[in-house]
N, C-alpha and C. Protein backbone atom coordinates (compact mmCIF):
# COMPACT_ATOMS: atom_id res chain seq x y z
N MET A 1 -57.65 -12.79 -18.10
CA MET A 1 -56.76 -11.67 -18.34
C MET A 1 -56.05 -11.24 -17.05
N ARG A 2 -56.85 -11.22 -15.96
CA ARG A 2 -56.26 -10.85 -14.68
C ARG A 2 -55.19 -11.84 -14.28
N ARG A 3 -55.46 -13.11 -14.55
CA ARG A 3 -54.50 -14.16 -14.18
C ARG A 3 -53.18 -13.98 -14.91
N ILE A 4 -53.27 -13.64 -16.18
CA ILE A 4 -52.06 -13.41 -17.00
C ILE A 4 -51.30 -12.21 -16.45
N ALA A 5 -52.04 -11.15 -16.11
CA ALA A 5 -51.41 -9.94 -15.57
C ALA A 5 -50.72 -10.24 -14.24
N LEU A 6 -51.37 -11.07 -13.41
CA LEU A 6 -50.81 -11.44 -12.11
C LEU A 6 -49.54 -12.27 -12.27
N ILE A 7 -49.57 -13.22 -13.21
CA ILE A 7 -48.38 -14.04 -13.49
C ILE A 7 -47.25 -13.16 -14.00
N GLY A 8 -47.58 -12.23 -14.90
CA GLY A 8 -46.57 -11.31 -15.44
C GLY A 8 -45.93 -10.45 -14.36
N ALA A 9 -46.78 -9.94 -13.44
CA ALA A 9 -46.27 -9.10 -12.35
C ALA A 9 -45.38 -9.92 -11.42
N THR A 10 -45.76 -11.17 -11.18
CA THR A 10 -44.96 -12.05 -10.31
C THR A 10 -43.60 -12.33 -10.93
N ILE A 11 -43.61 -12.65 -12.22
CA ILE A 11 -42.34 -12.91 -12.94
C ILE A 11 -41.46 -11.67 -12.90
N PHE A 12 -42.04 -10.50 -13.14
CA PHE A 12 -41.28 -9.25 -13.12
C PHE A 12 -40.66 -9.01 -11.74
N ALA A 13 -41.47 -9.27 -10.70
CA ALA A 13 -40.97 -9.07 -9.33
C ALA A 13 -39.82 -10.01 -9.03
N LEU A 14 -39.93 -11.27 -9.47
CA LEU A 14 -38.85 -12.24 -9.25
C LEU A 14 -37.58 -11.85 -9.99
N ILE A 15 -37.74 -11.38 -11.21
CA ILE A 15 -36.57 -10.92 -11.99
C ILE A 15 -35.92 -9.72 -11.32
N PHE A 16 -36.77 -8.79 -10.85
CA PHE A 16 -36.25 -7.59 -10.19
C PHE A 16 -35.48 -7.95 -8.92
N ILE A 17 -36.05 -8.86 -8.13
CA ILE A 17 -35.39 -9.30 -6.89
C ILE A 17 -34.08 -10.00 -7.22
N GLY A 18 -34.09 -10.83 -8.26
CA GLY A 18 -32.88 -11.57 -8.66
C GLY A 18 -31.78 -10.66 -9.14
N CYS A 19 -32.12 -9.51 -9.71
CA CYS A 19 -31.13 -8.59 -10.26
C CYS A 19 -30.71 -7.50 -9.28
N SER A 20 -31.34 -7.43 -8.12
CA SER A 20 -31.03 -6.36 -7.19
C SER A 20 -29.65 -6.58 -6.56
N THR A 21 -29.03 -5.50 -6.17
CA THR A 21 -27.70 -5.54 -5.56
C THR A 21 -27.81 -5.83 -4.07
N LYS A 22 -26.97 -6.73 -3.60
CA LYS A 22 -26.94 -7.03 -2.18
C LYS A 22 -25.56 -6.63 -1.65
N VAL A 23 -25.53 -5.87 -0.58
CA VAL A 23 -24.29 -5.40 0.02
C VAL A 23 -24.19 -5.93 1.44
N THR A 24 -23.05 -6.54 1.76
CA THR A 24 -22.80 -7.02 3.11
C THR A 24 -21.53 -6.35 3.63
N ARG A 25 -21.64 -5.66 4.75
CA ARG A 25 -20.46 -5.02 5.32
C ARG A 25 -19.57 -6.06 6.00
N LEU A 26 -18.25 -5.92 5.79
CA LEU A 26 -17.29 -6.87 6.32
C LEU A 26 -16.32 -6.15 7.25
N ASP A 27 -15.73 -6.90 8.15
CA ASP A 27 -14.63 -6.37 8.96
C ASP A 27 -13.44 -6.14 8.04
N THR A 28 -12.79 -4.99 8.17
CA THR A 28 -11.69 -4.65 7.26
C THR A 28 -10.50 -5.60 7.37
N SER A 29 -10.41 -6.34 8.47
CA SER A 29 -9.31 -7.28 8.64
C SER A 29 -9.65 -8.67 8.07
N GLU A 30 -10.91 -8.86 7.65
CA GLU A 30 -11.34 -10.16 7.14
C GLU A 30 -10.71 -10.43 5.78
N VAL A 31 -10.25 -11.67 5.58
CA VAL A 31 -9.63 -12.06 4.32
C VAL A 31 -10.71 -12.50 3.34
N VAL A 32 -10.82 -11.77 2.21
CA VAL A 32 -11.77 -12.13 1.16
C VAL A 32 -11.00 -12.12 -0.15
N ASP A 33 -10.89 -13.28 -0.78
CA ASP A 33 -10.22 -13.41 -2.08
C ASP A 33 -11.27 -13.76 -3.12
N LEU A 34 -11.67 -12.80 -3.92
CA LEU A 34 -12.67 -13.05 -4.95
C LEU A 34 -12.03 -13.42 -6.29
N SER A 35 -11.08 -12.62 -6.72
CA SER A 35 -10.48 -12.82 -8.04
C SER A 35 -9.17 -13.58 -8.00
N GLY A 36 -8.53 -13.62 -6.83
CA GLY A 36 -7.19 -14.19 -6.76
C GLY A 36 -6.11 -13.17 -7.06
N ASP A 37 -6.51 -11.94 -7.41
CA ASP A 37 -5.55 -10.88 -7.69
C ASP A 37 -5.05 -10.28 -6.37
N TRP A 38 -4.03 -9.42 -6.49
CA TRP A 38 -3.51 -8.67 -5.35
C TRP A 38 -4.64 -7.88 -4.72
N ASN A 39 -4.74 -7.90 -3.38
CA ASN A 39 -5.83 -7.18 -2.73
C ASN A 39 -5.34 -6.46 -1.48
N ASP A 40 -6.29 -5.89 -0.74
CA ASP A 40 -5.94 -5.09 0.44
C ASP A 40 -5.24 -5.90 1.51
N VAL A 41 -5.62 -7.16 1.66
CA VAL A 41 -4.99 -8.02 2.67
C VAL A 41 -3.53 -8.28 2.30
N ASP A 42 -3.28 -8.56 1.02
CA ASP A 42 -1.90 -8.76 0.56
C ASP A 42 -1.05 -7.54 0.86
N SER A 43 -1.59 -6.36 0.55
CA SER A 43 -0.86 -5.11 0.74
C SER A 43 -0.52 -4.90 2.21
N ARG A 44 -1.52 -5.05 3.08
CA ARG A 44 -1.32 -4.78 4.50
C ARG A 44 -0.38 -5.80 5.14
N GLN A 45 -0.63 -7.09 4.90
CA GLN A 45 0.19 -8.13 5.53
C GLN A 45 1.63 -8.08 5.04
N THR A 46 1.81 -7.84 3.74
CA THR A 46 3.16 -7.77 3.17
C THR A 46 3.95 -6.60 3.75
N SER A 47 3.32 -5.43 3.81
CA SER A 47 4.03 -4.26 4.32
C SER A 47 4.39 -4.45 5.79
N GLU A 48 3.47 -5.00 6.58
CA GLU A 48 3.76 -5.21 8.00
C GLU A 48 4.89 -6.21 8.20
N GLU A 49 4.89 -7.28 7.40
CA GLU A 49 5.94 -8.30 7.51
C GLU A 49 7.30 -7.74 7.13
N LEU A 50 7.35 -6.97 6.04
CA LEU A 50 8.62 -6.41 5.58
C LEU A 50 9.16 -5.35 6.54
N ILE A 51 8.29 -4.50 7.05
CA ILE A 51 8.74 -3.46 7.97
C ILE A 51 9.21 -4.08 9.28
N LYS A 52 8.53 -5.14 9.74
CA LYS A 52 8.98 -5.84 10.94
C LYS A 52 10.38 -6.40 10.74
N SER A 53 10.61 -6.98 9.55
CA SER A 53 11.95 -7.50 9.23
C SER A 53 12.98 -6.37 9.19
N MET A 54 12.61 -5.27 8.53
CA MET A 54 13.52 -4.14 8.41
C MET A 54 13.93 -3.59 9.76
N LEU A 55 12.97 -3.45 10.66
CA LEU A 55 13.25 -2.80 11.94
C LEU A 55 13.88 -3.74 12.96
N ASN A 56 14.09 -4.99 12.59
CA ASN A 56 14.76 -5.95 13.47
C ASN A 56 16.18 -6.28 12.99
N GLU A 57 16.68 -5.52 12.02
CA GLU A 57 18.02 -5.78 11.49
C GLU A 57 19.06 -4.87 12.15
N ARG A 58 20.35 -5.15 11.87
CA ARG A 58 21.46 -4.50 12.56
C ARG A 58 21.59 -3.01 12.31
N TRP A 59 21.12 -2.53 11.13
CA TRP A 59 21.30 -1.12 10.80
C TRP A 59 20.64 -0.20 11.83
N LEU A 60 19.52 -0.66 12.41
CA LEU A 60 18.76 0.20 13.33
C LEU A 60 19.52 0.45 14.65
N PRO A 61 19.98 -0.59 15.36
CA PRO A 61 20.76 -0.30 16.58
C PRO A 61 22.07 0.41 16.27
N ALA A 62 22.65 0.14 15.09
CA ALA A 62 23.89 0.84 14.70
C ALA A 62 23.63 2.33 14.54
N PHE A 63 22.52 2.68 13.90
CA PHE A 63 22.17 4.09 13.71
C PHE A 63 21.90 4.75 15.06
N TYR A 64 21.12 4.08 15.89
CA TYR A 64 20.79 4.66 17.19
C TYR A 64 22.04 4.80 18.07
N GLY A 65 22.94 3.81 17.98
CA GLY A 65 24.17 3.89 18.75
C GLY A 65 25.04 5.06 18.35
N GLN A 66 25.02 5.40 17.06
CA GLN A 66 25.85 6.51 16.58
C GLN A 66 25.20 7.87 16.82
N TYR A 67 23.89 7.97 16.58
CA TYR A 67 23.24 9.29 16.61
C TYR A 67 22.33 9.51 17.83
N LYS A 68 22.06 8.47 18.60
CA LYS A 68 21.23 8.56 19.81
C LYS A 68 19.84 9.11 19.52
N THR A 69 19.29 8.79 18.36
CA THR A 69 17.95 9.22 17.99
C THR A 69 17.36 8.22 17.00
N LYS A 70 16.07 8.26 16.85
CA LYS A 70 15.42 7.36 15.90
C LYS A 70 15.69 7.82 14.46
N PRO A 71 15.89 6.89 13.54
CA PRO A 71 16.10 7.29 12.15
C PRO A 71 14.81 7.82 11.54
N VAL A 72 14.97 8.69 10.55
CA VAL A 72 13.84 9.27 9.84
C VAL A 72 13.78 8.66 8.45
N LEU A 73 12.60 8.10 8.10
CA LEU A 73 12.43 7.42 6.83
C LEU A 73 11.43 8.17 5.96
N THR A 74 11.52 7.93 4.66
CA THR A 74 10.49 8.37 3.71
C THR A 74 10.38 7.32 2.62
N VAL A 75 9.23 7.26 1.97
CA VAL A 75 9.03 6.30 0.88
C VAL A 75 9.40 6.97 -0.43
N GLY A 76 10.19 6.28 -1.23
CA GLY A 76 10.55 6.77 -2.55
C GLY A 76 9.56 6.28 -3.58
N GLU A 77 9.92 5.16 -4.24
CA GLU A 77 9.06 4.63 -5.31
C GLU A 77 8.88 3.13 -5.13
N ILE A 78 7.64 2.69 -5.23
CA ILE A 78 7.33 1.26 -5.27
C ILE A 78 6.90 0.97 -6.71
N LYS A 79 7.71 0.23 -7.45
CA LYS A 79 7.43 -0.04 -8.86
C LYS A 79 6.58 -1.30 -9.00
N ASN A 80 5.50 -1.18 -9.76
CA ASN A 80 4.66 -2.33 -10.05
C ASN A 80 5.15 -2.95 -11.37
N LEU A 81 5.87 -4.07 -11.26
CA LEU A 81 6.38 -4.78 -12.44
C LEU A 81 5.57 -6.06 -12.68
N SER A 82 4.38 -6.13 -12.08
CA SER A 82 3.56 -7.33 -12.16
C SER A 82 2.68 -7.32 -13.40
N HIS A 83 1.91 -8.41 -13.55
CA HIS A 83 0.95 -8.53 -14.65
C HIS A 83 -0.35 -7.78 -14.35
N GLU A 84 -0.52 -7.31 -13.11
CA GLU A 84 -1.79 -6.73 -12.68
C GLU A 84 -1.66 -5.23 -12.47
N HIS A 85 -2.83 -4.60 -12.45
CA HIS A 85 -2.87 -3.21 -12.00
C HIS A 85 -2.87 -3.24 -10.47
N ILE A 86 -1.84 -2.73 -9.85
CA ILE A 86 -1.74 -2.70 -8.39
C ILE A 86 -1.59 -1.25 -7.96
N ASN A 87 -2.43 -0.84 -7.04
CA ASN A 87 -2.37 0.52 -6.52
C ASN A 87 -1.18 0.61 -5.56
N THR A 88 -0.05 1.06 -6.07
CA THR A 88 1.15 1.12 -5.23
C THR A 88 1.06 2.21 -4.17
N GLN A 89 0.17 3.20 -4.38
CA GLN A 89 -0.01 4.24 -3.36
C GLN A 89 -0.55 3.64 -2.07
N THR A 90 -1.49 2.70 -2.21
CA THR A 90 -2.04 2.03 -1.03
C THR A 90 -0.94 1.25 -0.31
N PHE A 91 -0.08 0.58 -1.08
CA PHE A 91 1.02 -0.19 -0.50
C PHE A 91 2.00 0.74 0.22
N MET A 92 2.31 1.89 -0.40
CA MET A 92 3.19 2.87 0.23
C MET A 92 2.60 3.37 1.54
N ASN A 93 1.28 3.62 1.53
CA ASN A 93 0.61 4.08 2.76
C ASN A 93 0.68 3.01 3.85
N ASP A 94 0.55 1.74 3.45
CA ASP A 94 0.64 0.65 4.43
C ASP A 94 2.04 0.57 5.02
N ILE A 95 3.07 0.79 4.20
CA ILE A 95 4.45 0.80 4.68
C ILE A 95 4.65 1.92 5.69
N GLN A 96 4.17 3.11 5.33
CA GLN A 96 4.31 4.26 6.22
C GLN A 96 3.61 4.01 7.55
N ARG A 97 2.41 3.48 7.49
CA ARG A 97 1.64 3.20 8.71
C ARG A 97 2.36 2.19 9.60
N ALA A 98 2.91 1.14 8.97
CA ALA A 98 3.61 0.10 9.73
C ALA A 98 4.83 0.67 10.44
N VAL A 99 5.57 1.56 9.78
CA VAL A 99 6.76 2.18 10.40
C VAL A 99 6.34 3.06 11.56
N ILE A 100 5.34 3.91 11.34
CA ILE A 100 4.90 4.83 12.40
C ILE A 100 4.39 4.05 13.60
N ASN A 101 3.57 3.03 13.35
CA ASN A 101 2.99 2.25 14.45
C ASN A 101 4.02 1.44 15.21
N SER A 102 5.16 1.14 14.58
CA SER A 102 6.20 0.37 15.27
C SER A 102 6.84 1.18 16.39
N GLY A 103 6.89 2.50 16.22
CA GLY A 103 7.52 3.37 17.21
C GLY A 103 9.04 3.32 17.18
N ASP A 104 9.63 2.55 16.25
CA ASP A 104 11.08 2.39 16.19
C ASP A 104 11.76 3.39 15.27
N ALA A 105 10.97 4.06 14.43
CA ALA A 105 11.55 5.03 13.49
C ALA A 105 10.52 6.13 13.26
N ARG A 106 10.99 7.22 12.69
CA ARG A 106 10.10 8.34 12.36
C ARG A 106 9.90 8.36 10.85
N PHE A 107 8.85 9.04 10.43
CA PHE A 107 8.52 9.06 9.00
C PHE A 107 8.18 10.47 8.58
N ILE A 108 8.73 10.92 7.46
CA ILE A 108 8.35 12.22 6.91
C ILE A 108 7.48 12.00 5.68
N ALA A 109 6.81 13.06 5.26
CA ALA A 109 5.88 13.00 4.14
C ALA A 109 6.59 12.62 2.85
N SER A 110 5.80 12.15 1.90
CA SER A 110 6.33 11.80 0.58
C SER A 110 6.76 13.06 -0.16
N ARG A 111 7.46 12.87 -1.26
CA ARG A 111 7.93 14.01 -2.05
C ARG A 111 6.78 14.92 -2.47
N ASP A 112 5.69 14.33 -2.98
CA ASP A 112 4.55 15.13 -3.43
C ASP A 112 3.92 15.90 -2.27
N ASP A 113 3.77 15.25 -1.13
CA ASP A 113 3.19 15.93 0.04
C ASP A 113 4.08 17.05 0.53
N ARG A 114 5.41 16.84 0.46
CA ARG A 114 6.34 17.91 0.86
C ARG A 114 6.22 19.11 -0.07
N LEU A 115 6.07 18.86 -1.36
CA LEU A 115 5.91 19.96 -2.33
C LEU A 115 4.63 20.74 -2.05
N ASN A 116 3.55 20.01 -1.70
CA ASN A 116 2.29 20.68 -1.37
C ASN A 116 2.45 21.57 -0.14
N ALA A 117 3.18 21.07 0.88
CA ALA A 117 3.39 21.85 2.10
C ALA A 117 4.22 23.10 1.80
N ARG A 118 5.20 22.98 0.90
CA ARG A 118 6.02 24.14 0.54
C ARG A 118 5.19 25.20 -0.18
N GLU A 119 4.28 24.76 -1.03
CA GLU A 119 3.38 25.71 -1.71
C GLU A 119 2.49 26.42 -0.68
N GLU A 120 2.04 25.66 0.32
CA GLU A 120 1.22 26.24 1.38
C GLU A 120 2.00 27.32 2.13
N ARG A 121 3.29 27.05 2.42
CA ARG A 121 4.11 28.06 3.12
C ARG A 121 4.28 29.31 2.28
N LYS A 122 4.44 29.15 0.98
CA LYS A 122 4.57 30.32 0.09
C LYS A 122 3.30 31.16 0.13
N GLU A 123 2.15 30.50 0.14
CA GLU A 123 0.89 31.23 0.20
C GLU A 123 0.72 31.92 1.54
N GLN A 124 1.18 31.24 2.61
CA GLN A 124 1.10 31.87 3.93
C GLN A 124 1.94 33.14 3.97
N ASP A 125 3.10 33.15 3.32
CA ASP A 125 3.95 34.35 3.29
C ASP A 125 3.20 35.53 2.69
N GLN A 126 2.28 35.23 1.78
CA GLN A 126 1.57 36.28 1.08
C GLN A 126 0.25 36.65 1.78
N TYR A 127 -0.43 35.66 2.36
CA TYR A 127 -1.79 35.91 2.80
C TYR A 127 -2.05 35.73 4.31
N ALA A 128 -1.21 35.00 5.01
CA ALA A 128 -1.50 34.70 6.41
C ALA A 128 -0.96 35.78 7.35
N LYS A 129 -1.58 35.88 8.54
CA LYS A 129 -1.07 36.80 9.55
C LYS A 129 0.35 36.42 9.92
N GLU A 130 1.15 37.41 10.21
CA GLU A 130 2.58 37.18 10.47
C GLU A 130 2.81 36.20 11.61
N GLU A 131 2.00 36.30 12.67
CA GLU A 131 2.21 35.44 13.83
C GLU A 131 1.80 33.99 13.58
N THR A 132 1.09 33.74 12.48
CA THR A 132 0.67 32.36 12.18
C THR A 132 1.44 31.74 11.01
N ARG A 133 2.31 32.52 10.37
CA ARG A 133 3.07 32.00 9.23
C ARG A 133 4.09 30.96 9.69
N LYS A 134 4.26 29.93 8.90
CA LYS A 134 5.23 28.88 9.20
C LYS A 134 6.55 29.20 8.51
N LYS A 135 7.64 28.94 9.23
CA LYS A 135 8.97 29.32 8.76
C LYS A 135 9.48 28.36 7.69
N GLU A 136 10.31 28.89 6.82
CA GLU A 136 11.03 28.08 5.83
C GLU A 136 12.21 27.37 6.49
N ARG A 137 12.70 26.34 5.84
CA ARG A 137 13.90 25.61 6.25
C ARG A 137 13.79 25.02 7.67
N GLN A 138 12.60 24.55 8.01
CA GLN A 138 12.41 23.89 9.31
C GLN A 138 12.05 22.41 9.14
N GLU A 139 12.15 21.91 7.92
CA GLU A 139 11.78 20.53 7.65
C GLU A 139 12.79 19.55 8.26
N ILE A 140 12.32 18.36 8.55
CA ILE A 140 13.20 17.29 9.03
C ILE A 140 13.67 16.51 7.80
N GLY A 141 14.97 16.36 7.67
CA GLY A 141 15.52 15.62 6.54
C GLY A 141 15.48 14.12 6.80
N ALA A 142 15.17 13.36 5.77
CA ALA A 142 15.14 11.90 5.89
C ALA A 142 16.56 11.35 5.94
N ASP A 143 16.76 10.35 6.78
CA ASP A 143 18.04 9.62 6.82
C ASP A 143 18.07 8.51 5.78
N PHE A 144 16.89 7.90 5.56
CA PHE A 144 16.81 6.74 4.66
C PHE A 144 15.56 6.82 3.80
N ILE A 145 15.65 6.23 2.61
CA ILE A 145 14.52 6.18 1.69
C ILE A 145 14.18 4.72 1.40
N VAL A 146 12.88 4.41 1.42
CA VAL A 146 12.40 3.05 1.14
C VAL A 146 11.96 2.98 -0.31
N ASN A 147 12.54 2.04 -1.06
CA ASN A 147 12.14 1.78 -2.44
C ASN A 147 11.79 0.31 -2.59
N GLY A 148 11.02 -0.02 -3.61
CA GLY A 148 10.65 -1.42 -3.76
C GLY A 148 10.07 -1.76 -5.10
N THR A 149 9.84 -3.07 -5.29
CA THR A 149 9.22 -3.58 -6.51
C THR A 149 8.23 -4.68 -6.16
N ILE A 150 7.20 -4.82 -7.00
CA ILE A 150 6.26 -5.93 -6.91
C ILE A 150 6.30 -6.66 -8.25
N ASN A 151 6.65 -7.94 -8.22
CA ASN A 151 6.73 -8.76 -9.43
C ASN A 151 5.78 -9.94 -9.33
N THR A 152 5.36 -10.46 -10.48
CA THR A 152 4.53 -11.67 -10.49
C THR A 152 5.04 -12.67 -11.50
N ILE A 153 4.77 -13.94 -11.21
CA ILE A 153 4.93 -15.04 -12.16
C ILE A 153 3.61 -15.79 -12.15
N ILE A 154 3.04 -16.03 -13.33
CA ILE A 154 1.77 -16.75 -13.43
C ILE A 154 1.97 -18.02 -14.25
N ASP A 155 1.60 -19.15 -13.67
CA ASP A 155 1.63 -20.44 -14.36
C ASP A 155 0.18 -20.92 -14.46
N SER A 156 -0.36 -21.00 -15.69
CA SER A 156 -1.78 -21.33 -15.84
C SER A 156 -1.99 -22.45 -16.84
N GLU A 157 -3.08 -23.16 -16.61
CA GLU A 157 -3.53 -24.22 -17.52
C GLU A 157 -5.04 -24.22 -17.46
N GLY A 158 -5.68 -23.86 -18.59
CA GLY A 158 -7.14 -23.77 -18.60
C GLY A 158 -7.63 -22.72 -17.64
N LYS A 159 -8.50 -23.12 -16.71
CA LYS A 159 -9.08 -22.19 -15.74
C LYS A 159 -8.40 -22.27 -14.39
N THR A 160 -7.23 -22.90 -14.33
CA THR A 160 -6.49 -23.01 -13.07
C THR A 160 -5.13 -22.32 -13.23
N ALA A 161 -4.74 -21.59 -12.22
CA ALA A 161 -3.46 -20.88 -12.28
C ALA A 161 -2.83 -20.80 -10.90
N VAL A 162 -1.52 -20.76 -10.90
CA VAL A 162 -0.77 -20.44 -9.70
C VAL A 162 -0.18 -19.06 -9.91
N LYS A 163 -0.50 -18.16 -8.98
CA LYS A 163 -0.01 -16.78 -9.06
C LYS A 163 1.01 -16.58 -7.95
N TYR A 164 2.20 -16.18 -8.36
CA TYR A 164 3.32 -16.01 -7.43
C TYR A 164 3.72 -14.54 -7.43
N TYR A 165 3.69 -13.93 -6.26
CA TYR A 165 4.09 -12.53 -6.10
C TYR A 165 5.40 -12.47 -5.32
N GLN A 166 6.31 -11.63 -5.78
CA GLN A 166 7.53 -11.37 -5.02
C GLN A 166 7.62 -9.87 -4.78
N ILE A 167 7.72 -9.51 -3.51
CA ILE A 167 7.78 -8.11 -3.12
C ILE A 167 9.14 -7.85 -2.47
N ASP A 168 9.90 -6.92 -3.02
CA ASP A 168 11.24 -6.61 -2.52
C ASP A 168 11.31 -5.14 -2.12
N LEU A 169 11.93 -4.89 -0.97
CA LEU A 169 12.16 -3.53 -0.50
C LEU A 169 13.63 -3.33 -0.19
N THR A 170 14.10 -2.11 -0.38
CA THR A 170 15.46 -1.74 0.05
C THR A 170 15.37 -0.46 0.87
N LEU A 171 16.31 -0.30 1.76
CA LEU A 171 16.44 0.90 2.58
C LEU A 171 17.80 1.51 2.29
N THR A 172 17.80 2.71 1.73
CA THR A 172 19.03 3.33 1.24
C THR A 172 19.32 4.62 2.01
N SER A 173 20.58 4.81 2.40
CA SER A 173 20.99 6.04 3.07
C SER A 173 20.91 7.20 2.08
N VAL A 174 20.20 8.25 2.45
CA VAL A 174 20.07 9.42 1.58
C VAL A 174 21.42 10.09 1.39
N GLU A 175 22.25 10.09 2.43
CA GLU A 175 23.54 10.79 2.37
C GLU A 175 24.58 10.00 1.60
N SER A 176 24.74 8.73 1.92
CA SER A 176 25.84 7.95 1.32
C SER A 176 25.42 7.06 0.17
N GLN A 177 24.10 6.88 -0.03
CA GLN A 177 23.55 5.96 -1.04
C GLN A 177 23.83 4.48 -0.72
N GLU A 178 24.30 4.20 0.48
CA GLU A 178 24.53 2.81 0.89
C GLU A 178 23.19 2.13 1.16
N ILE A 179 23.01 0.93 0.64
CA ILE A 179 21.83 0.13 0.95
C ILE A 179 22.10 -0.57 2.28
N VAL A 180 21.37 -0.18 3.31
CA VAL A 180 21.64 -0.71 4.65
C VAL A 180 20.77 -1.92 4.97
N TRP A 181 19.71 -2.12 4.19
CA TRP A 181 18.84 -3.28 4.39
C TRP A 181 18.15 -3.63 3.07
N SER A 182 18.02 -4.92 2.82
CA SER A 182 17.28 -5.41 1.65
C SER A 182 16.47 -6.60 2.09
N GLY A 183 15.18 -6.57 1.82
CA GLY A 183 14.33 -7.67 2.26
C GLY A 183 13.25 -7.97 1.24
N GLY A 184 12.65 -9.14 1.38
CA GLY A 184 11.60 -9.53 0.46
C GLY A 184 10.66 -10.54 1.09
N THR A 185 9.51 -10.66 0.49
CA THR A 185 8.54 -11.67 0.91
C THR A 185 7.79 -12.16 -0.31
N LYS A 186 7.12 -13.30 -0.17
CA LYS A 186 6.47 -13.94 -1.31
C LYS A 186 5.05 -14.33 -0.95
N ILE A 187 4.17 -14.31 -1.94
CA ILE A 187 2.80 -14.76 -1.81
C ILE A 187 2.53 -15.72 -2.96
N LYS A 188 1.89 -16.85 -2.66
CA LYS A 188 1.57 -17.83 -3.70
C LYS A 188 0.09 -18.19 -3.58
N LYS A 189 -0.66 -18.08 -4.69
CA LYS A 189 -2.10 -18.34 -4.67
C LYS A 189 -2.46 -19.33 -5.77
N LEU A 190 -3.30 -20.30 -5.42
CA LEU A 190 -3.89 -21.21 -6.40
C LEU A 190 -5.27 -20.67 -6.73
N VAL A 191 -5.49 -20.33 -8.00
CA VAL A 191 -6.75 -19.76 -8.44
C VAL A 191 -7.42 -20.77 -9.37
N GLU A 192 -8.63 -21.20 -9.01
CA GLU A 192 -9.32 -22.24 -9.79
C GLU A 192 -10.65 -21.74 -10.34
N ASN A 193 -11.09 -22.39 -11.42
CA ASN A 193 -12.39 -22.10 -12.05
C ASN A 193 -12.52 -20.65 -12.46
N LYS A 194 -11.47 -20.12 -13.04
CA LYS A 194 -11.49 -18.72 -13.47
C LYS A 194 -10.62 -18.59 -14.70
N LYS A 195 -11.07 -17.74 -15.63
CA LYS A 195 -10.22 -17.43 -16.77
C LYS A 195 -9.17 -16.45 -16.28
N VAL A 196 -7.94 -16.89 -16.22
CA VAL A 196 -6.86 -16.09 -15.65
C VAL A 196 -6.19 -15.27 -16.75
N ARG A 197 -6.01 -13.98 -16.48
CA ARG A 197 -5.33 -13.14 -17.46
C ARG A 197 -3.88 -13.56 -17.59
N PRO A 198 -3.35 -13.61 -18.85
CA PRO A 198 -1.95 -14.00 -19.04
C PRO A 198 -1.01 -12.95 -18.52
């Protein structure tokens, strides 16, 4: 009886160990592709590549030559037209970070963040000490707005697929609506041994 109980306990322990969760911390810059879907590396590398292209085009020296100051940018809308759920907010944040880190342009908050700041100023008018209240109409206006799209094409056969991503950005003058820059980049992935969503 003891032997049976011992064997049972051993089997239970092995099953428990086999089902336990294992977590390994990774460097955030490390490339890990588990599903073949859009991931954090795609978002970061794509945004950095596109912003580098944007800030090396003729519109930037032309703007600086005319106004003698760095242009002010804001992100408008990044539309996800792909087959996947893609967190476009993360992509927008990566774009903003790449622009700020470049030092070639300035960036103002998104529309939603600006609305939150305006609500905060209204509350300060009512509740904050006069010497600490922030003034109205002191915001920096954006010169240009960044908009974009993420598209996919999937070619699959059985458990193998080629996933093609096309990411396009435009930079539009807020005042004149002129598109001063248009750029894009592509990602192509071969995904094998996986049931690929159509």
